[in-house]
Each structure stands twice: as C-alpha cells, then as structure tokens.
Amino acid sequence: MEREGPEISQETRQLIGIEKVRHYQVTARDIWRFAQAIGMSQVEADSDGTLIGPPLICQVFMFEDLALEELPADGSPKELDVPVPAARAVGGQSEFEIFAQVKAGDTITFRSRLRDVAAKQGRSGWLYFIVVETAFENQRGEMVARETATYVKRSEVDSHVER
C-alpha cells in the first residue's frame, strides 16, 4: 500500500507556469562540435553553404553555461533548481518535436516553463518528477522545436550526494 506523499510546497507551486527566456546565437563551430559528439563525420549545408545543425542540436543550448561553484549543490543545471527536498536530478523522459532546421547564424530563443512537479513513492524513498516544457524559435519567430522533459530527483533522506 502506497503511503500519502509529501506536499509540494507553495514556493514550488508558484513557479509552475512562469516562463523563462534565453537566447543563443548558433555558430558553425557549435554545429560541428555537436555533430562530432554524436558520431557524425559530416554535416549538411543548405544551397548557400550555411551549415545545418543535426535534429536535436537545440538540446545543447538549453542550459546556461555556469562555473561549477554557481551550480546548485547537486551539480545539476541551474534551470532544474526547483525547491523540493531532493538531490541530484537525472533525465527521466523527453519528448522532442522538430519543425524546422537550425542553421549556423540563427538566433534561437528558448521559452521554458515549469509545467508540473509531483511526488511518488519509490522503492528507496520519495521521487520528485519535474516537468519542463521548452519551445525553440528562430530569429524569424518560426518554431523550430518543442520539448517536454521530465527530470527525476530522489529525496534527500535516501540520497547520498558528494561534491
């Protein structure tokens, strides 16, 4: 029998629905580095010779580049610093829709919002599910991709995090 879960705090609930916006200028180097990281030896180019990013390239730019000491204590991205009594976020699930190509020179605008936070009893303690929706638009206002991602954090009582 599953016991009743911990209450999600009002502080956390107030974050649901708030949109955060970031911008990223995509370079040819970004496209090459991502392609190499996923094992591609070539990248496509359009008729003008402008490099076209691999389909999931938007994921690379989602999280702000920060020094280690600026990250939350568990080392996860600042964007996943949602106030729940848990440590270390891991990726749980991602649904990614692609609508247009991302090219070198594009400025991608990321509009992310916390969609939901829920708690569930796991085998070794409480799990917190953090659902984030992100829309990616280019400089022309065209939607290039959309992602719904679920991250999982395990309760601090049952976690041992060293830094």
C-alpha atoms as a PDB file:
ATOM      1  CA  MET A   1       0.000   0.000   0.000  1.00  0.00           C
ATOM      2  CA  GLU A   2       1.385   3.376  -1.011  1.00  0.00           C
ATOM      3  CA  ARG A   3       1.520   5.958   1.757  1.00  0.00           C
ATOM      4  CA  GLU A   4       0.465   9.555   1.182  1.00  0.00           C
ATOM      5  CA  GLY A   5       3.204  11.618  -0.414  1.00  0.00           C
ATOM      6  CA  PRO A   6       4.866  14.767   0.802  1.00  0.00           C
ATOM      7  CA  GLU A   7       3.119  18.016  -0.002  1.00  0.00           C
ATOM      8  CA  ILE A   8       4.664  20.086  -2.787  1.00  0.00           C
ATOM      9  CA  SER A   9       5.419  23.460  -1.185  1.00  0.00           C
ATOM     10  CA  GLN A  10       3.612  26.660  -2.092  1.00  0.00           C
ATOM     11  CA  GLU A  11       7.008  28.143  -3.040  1.00  0.00           C
ATOM     12  CA  THR A  12       7.419  25.378  -5.633  1.00  0.00           C
ATOM     13  CA  ARG A  13       3.805  25.574  -6.864  1.00  0.00           C
ATOM     14  CA  GLN A  14       4.233  29.315  -7.515  1.00  0.00           C
ATOM     15  CA  LEU A  15       6.998  28.520 -10.034  1.00  0.00           C
ATOM     16  CA  ILE A  16       4.649  26.447 -12.202  1.00  0.00           C
ATOM     17  CA  GLY A  17       3.807  28.279 -15.404  1.00  0.00           C
ATOM     18  CA  ILE A  18       6.440  31.012 -15.100  1.00  0.00           C
ATOM     19  CA  GLU A  19       8.234  31.440 -18.413  1.00  0.00           C
ATOM     20  CA  LYS A  20      11.998  31.920 -18.606  1.00  0.00           C
ATOM     21  CA  VAL A  21      13.505  33.221 -21.839  1.00  0.00           C
ATOM     22  CA  ARG A  22      17.076  32.841 -23.123  1.00  0.00           C
ATOM     23  CA  HIS A  23      18.703  33.491 -26.486  1.00  0.00           C
ATOM     24  CA  TYR A  24      21.558  31.685 -28.179  1.00  0.00           C
ATOM     25  CA  GLN A  25      23.470  32.565 -31.354  1.00  0.00           C
ATOM     26  CA  VAL A  26      24.287  29.302 -33.184  1.00  0.00           C
ATOM     27  CA  THR A  27      27.730  29.111 -34.797  1.00  0.00           C
ATOM     28  CA  ALA A  28      29.212  26.745 -37.366  1.00  0.00           C
ATOM     29  CA  ARG A  29      31.569  25.578 -34.599  1.00  0.00           C
ATOM     30  CA  ASP A  30      28.575  24.654 -32.404  1.00  0.00           C
ATOM     31  CA  ILE A  31      27.160  22.555 -35.225  1.00  0.00           C
ATOM     32  CA  TRP A  32      30.471  20.779 -35.893  1.00  0.00           C
ATOM     33  CA  ARG A  33      31.114  20.082 -32.200  1.00  0.00           C
ATOM     34  CA  PHE A  34      27.638  18.641 -31.672  1.00  0.00           C
ATOM     35  CA  ALA A  35      27.888  16.548 -34.834  1.00  0.00           C
ATOM     36  CA  GLN A  36      31.243  15.140 -33.705  1.00  0.00           C
ATOM     37  CA  ALA A  37      29.894  14.438 -30.207  1.00  0.00           C
ATOM     38  CA  ILE A  38      27.134  12.266 -31.657  1.00  0.00           C
ATOM     39  CA  GLY A  39      29.463  10.453 -34.058  1.00  0.00           C
ATOM     40  CA  MET A  40      28.740  12.314 -37.304  1.00  0.00           C
ATOM     41  CA  SER A  41      31.704  12.881 -39.610  1.00  0.00           C
ATOM     42  CA  GLN A  42      29.811  15.231 -41.944  1.00  0.00           C
ATOM     43  CA  VAL A  43      27.108  17.879 -41.588  1.00  0.00           C
ATOM     44  CA  GLU A  44      24.631  19.124 -44.143  1.00  0.00           C
ATOM     45  CA  ALA A  45      24.661  22.579 -45.679  1.00  0.00           C
ATOM     46  CA  ASP A  46      21.957  24.496 -47.500  1.00  0.00           C
ATOM     47  CA  SER A  47      22.304  25.814 -51.069  1.00  0.00           C
ATOM     48  CA  ASP A  48      24.208  28.878 -49.766  1.00  0.00           C
ATOM     49  CA  GLY A  49      26.726  26.703 -47.921  1.00  0.00           C
ATOM     50  CA  THR A  50      25.302  27.521 -44.466  1.00  0.00           C
ATOM     51  CA  LEU A  51      25.718  24.572 -42.097  1.00  0.00           C
ATOM     52  CA  ILE A  52      22.544  22.862 -40.881  1.00  0.00           C
ATOM     53  CA  GLY A  53      22.522  21.500 -37.335  1.00  0.00           C
ATOM     54  CA  PRO A  54      21.636  17.878 -36.565  1.00  0.00           C
ATOM     55  CA  PRO A  55      17.981  17.478 -35.474  1.00  0.00           C
ATOM     56  CA  LEU A  56      18.497  17.576 -31.670  1.00  0.00           C
ATOM     57  CA  ILE A  57      21.048  20.412 -31.595  1.00  0.00           C
ATOM     58  CA  CYS A  58      18.689  22.663 -29.592  1.00  0.00           C
ATOM     59  CA  GLN A  59      19.208  20.472 -26.542  1.00  0.00           C
ATOM     60  CA  VAL A  60      22.858  21.559 -26.384  1.00  0.00           C
ATOM     61  CA  PHE A  61      21.952  25.187 -25.746  1.00  0.00           C
ATOM     62  CA  MET A  62      19.149  24.664 -23.217  1.00  0.00           C
ATOM     63  CA  PHE A  63      21.157  25.147 -20.073  1.00  0.00           C
ATOM     64  CA  GLU A  64      23.157  28.240 -19.214  1.00  0.00           C
ATOM     65  CA  ASP A  65      26.936  27.825 -19.068  1.00  0.00           C
ATOM     66  CA  LEU A  66      27.979  28.395 -15.455  1.00  0.00           C
ATOM     67  CA  ALA A  67      31.069  27.827 -13.374  1.00  0.00           C
ATOM     68  CA  LEU A  68      30.818  24.767 -11.108  1.00  0.00           C
ATOM     69  CA  GLU A  69      30.556  26.916  -7.976  1.00  0.00           C
ATOM     70  CA  GLU A  70      27.487  28.682  -9.439  1.00  0.00           C
ATOM     71  CA  LEU A  71      25.548  25.441  -9.908  1.00  0.00           C
ATOM     72  CA  PRO A  72      23.134  24.040  -7.309  1.00  0.00           C
ATOM     73  CA  ALA A  73      24.767  21.798  -4.695  1.00  0.00           C
ATOM     74  CA  ASP A  74      23.922  18.623  -6.634  1.00  0.00           C
ATOM     75  CA  GLY A  75      25.695  19.905  -9.772  1.00  0.00           C
ATOM     76  CA  SER A  76      22.546  19.887 -11.893  1.00  0.00           C
ATOM     77  CA  PRO A  77      21.757  22.785 -14.239  1.00  0.00           C
ATOM     78  CA  LYS A  78      20.524  25.974 -12.586  1.00  0.00           C
ATOM     79  CA  GLU A  79      17.329  25.677 -14.618  1.00  0.00           C
ATOM     80  CA  LEU A  80      16.436  22.495 -12.681  1.00  0.00           C
ATOM     81  CA  ASP A  81      16.896  24.116  -9.277  1.00  0.00           C
ATOM     82  CA  VAL A  82      13.287  23.587  -8.179  1.00  0.00           C
ATOM     83  CA  PRO A  83      12.740  23.725  -4.403  1.00  0.00           C
ATOM     84  CA  VAL A  84      11.914  20.140  -3.482  1.00  0.00           C
ATOM     85  CA  PRO A  85      13.500  18.158  -0.626  1.00  0.00           C
ATOM     86  CA  ALA A  86      15.614  16.121  -3.035  1.00  0.00           C
ATOM     87  CA  ALA A  87      19.049  15.909  -4.558  1.00  0.00           C
ATOM     88  CA  ARG A  88      20.621  15.151  -7.940  1.00  0.00           C
ATOM     89  CA  ALA A  89      18.387  15.462 -10.970  1.00  0.00           C
ATOM     90  CA  VAL A  90      18.511  12.799 -13.667  1.00  0.00           C
ATOM     91  CA  GLY A  91      16.748  12.774 -17.006  1.00  0.00           C
ATOM     92  CA  GLY A  92      13.584  10.729 -16.899  1.00  0.00           C
ATOM     93  CA  GLN A  93      11.846  11.205 -20.225  1.00  0.00           C
ATOM     94  CA  SER A  94      11.941  13.586 -23.170  1.00  0.00           C
ATOM     95  CA  GLU A  95       9.504  14.157 -25.995  1.00  0.00           C
ATOM     96  CA  PHE A  96      11.068  16.264 -28.732  1.00  0.00           C
ATOM     97  CA  GLU A  97       9.216  17.604 -31.781  1.00  0.00           C
ATOM     98  CA  ILE A  98      11.178  19.146 -34.654  1.00  0.00           C
ATOM     99  CA  PHE A  99       9.524  21.624 -37.020  1.00  0.00           C
ATOM    100  CA  ALA A 100      12.394  23.342 -38.884  1.00  0.00           C
ATOM    101  CA  GLN A 101      16.158  23.191 -39.339  1.00  0.00           C
ATOM    102  CA  VAL A 102      18.586  25.157 -37.177  1.00  0.00           C
ATOM    103  CA  LYS A 103      21.398  26.754 -39.156  1.00  0.00           C
ATOM    104  CA  ALA A 104      24.666  28.474 -38.340  1.00  0.00           C
ATOM    105  CA  GLY A 105      23.893  32.163 -37.759  1.00  0.00           C
ATOM    106  CA  ASP A 106      20.417  31.525 -36.325  1.00  0.00           C
ATOM    107  CA  THR A 107      19.496  33.128 -33.027  1.00  0.00           C
ATOM    108  CA  ILE A 108      17.431  30.626 -31.091  1.00  0.00           C
ATOM    109  CA  THR A 109      15.053  31.866 -28.400  1.00  0.00           C
ATOM    110  CA  PHE A 110      14.241  29.343 -25.685  1.00  0.00           C
ATOM    111  CA  ARG A 111      10.988  29.779 -23.805  1.00  0.00           C
ATOM    112  CA  SER A 112      10.916  27.335 -20.891  1.00  0.00           C
ATOM    113  CA  ARG A 113       8.334  26.886 -18.214  1.00  0.00           C
ATOM    114  CA  LEU A 114       7.864  24.526 -15.333  1.00  0.00           C
ATOM    115  CA  ARG A 115       4.699  22.587 -16.191  1.00  0.00           C
ATOM    116  CA  ASP A 116       4.347  20.358 -13.141  1.00  0.00           C
ATOM    117  CA  VAL A 117       6.012  18.953 -10.035  1.00  0.00           C
ATOM    118  CA  ALA A 118       4.748  15.724  -8.491  1.00  0.00           C
ATOM    119  CA  ALA A 119       5.927  13.277  -5.822  1.00  0.00           C
ATOM    120  CA  LYS A 120       5.689   9.491  -5.909  1.00  0.00           C
ATOM    121  CA  GLN A 121       6.881   6.817  -3.519  1.00  0.00           C
ATOM    122  CA  GLY A 122       9.790   4.854  -4.990  1.00  0.00           C
ATOM    123  CA  ARG A 123      11.452   1.675  -3.716  1.00  0.00           C
ATOM    124  CA  SER A 124      14.080   3.618  -1.796  1.00  0.00           C
ATOM    125  CA  GLY A 125      12.218   6.823  -0.963  1.00  0.00           C
ATOM    126  CA  TRP A 126      10.297   9.678  -2.499  1.00  0.00           C
ATOM    127  CA  LEU A 127      10.830  10.650  -6.117  1.00  0.00           C
ATOM    128  CA  TYR A 128      10.045  14.126  -7.402  1.00  0.00           C
ATOM    129  CA  PHE A 129       9.082  14.489 -11.055  1.00  0.00           C
ATOM    130  CA  ILE A 130       9.822  17.907 -12.558  1.00  0.00           C
ATOM    131  CA  VAL A 131       8.190  18.505 -15.940  1.00  0.00           C
ATOM    132  CA  VAL A 132       9.623  21.319 -18.080  1.00  0.00           C
ATOM    133  CA  GLU A 133       8.256  22.483 -21.442  1.00  0.00           C
ATOM    134  CA  THR A 134      10.540  24.380 -23.800  1.00  0.00           C
ATOM    135  CA  ALA A 135       9.745  25.988 -27.142  1.00  0.00           C
ATOM    136  CA  PHE A 136      12.587  26.915 -29.519  1.00  0.00           C
ATOM    137  CA  GLU A 137      12.092  29.716 -32.046  1.00  0.00           C
ATOM    138  CA  ASN A 138      14.474  31.201 -34.598  1.00  0.00           C
ATOM    139  CA  GLN A 139      15.053  34.909 -35.253  1.00  0.00           C
ATOM    140  CA  ARG A 140      12.108  34.935 -37.700  1.00  0.00           C
ATOM    141  CA  GLY A 141       9.714  33.774 -34.967  1.00  0.00           C
ATOM    142  CA  GLU A 142       9.412  30.311 -36.508  1.00  0.00           C
ATOM    143  CA  MET A 143       9.039  27.400 -34.112  1.00  0.00           C
ATOM    144  CA  VAL A 144      11.993  25.080 -34.787  1.00  0.00           C
ATOM    145  CA  ALA A 145      11.399  22.571 -31.981  1.00  0.00           C
ATOM    146  CA  ARG A 146       9.470  21.860 -28.810  1.00  0.00           C
ATOM    147  CA  GLU A 147      10.404  19.607 -25.897  1.00  0.00           C
ATOM    148  CA  THR A 148       8.576  18.268 -22.890  1.00  0.00           C
ATOM    149  CA  ALA A 149      11.141  16.835 -20.494  1.00  0.00           C
ATOM    150  CA  THR A 150      10.680  15.068 -17.180  1.00  0.00           C
ATOM    151  CA  TYR A 151      13.523  15.121 -14.663  1.00  0.00           C
ATOM    152  CA  VAL A 152      13.581  12.972 -11.541  1.00  0.00           C
ATOM    153  CA  LYS A 153      15.021  13.911  -8.151  1.00  0.00           C
ATOM    154  CA  ARG A 154      15.289  11.474  -5.265  1.00  0.00           C
ATOM    155  CA  SER A 155      14.512  12.540  -1.694  1.00  0.00           C
ATOM    156  CA  GLU A 156      17.491  13.801   0.311  1.00  0.00           C
ATOM    157  CA  VAL A 157      16.777  11.394   3.139  1.00  0.00           C
ATOM    158  CA  ASP A 158      17.500   8.484   0.842  1.00  0.00           C
ATOM    159  CA  SER A 159      20.274  10.051  -1.270  1.00  0.00           C
ATOM    160  CA  HIS A 160      23.969  10.420  -0.619  1.00  0.00           C
ATOM    161  CA  VAL A 161      25.443  13.248  -2.687  1.00  0.00           C
ATOM    162  CA  GLU A 162      29.112  14.106  -2.539  1.00  0.00           C
ATOM    163  CA  ARG A 163      30.640  17.055  -4.259  1.00  0.00           C
END
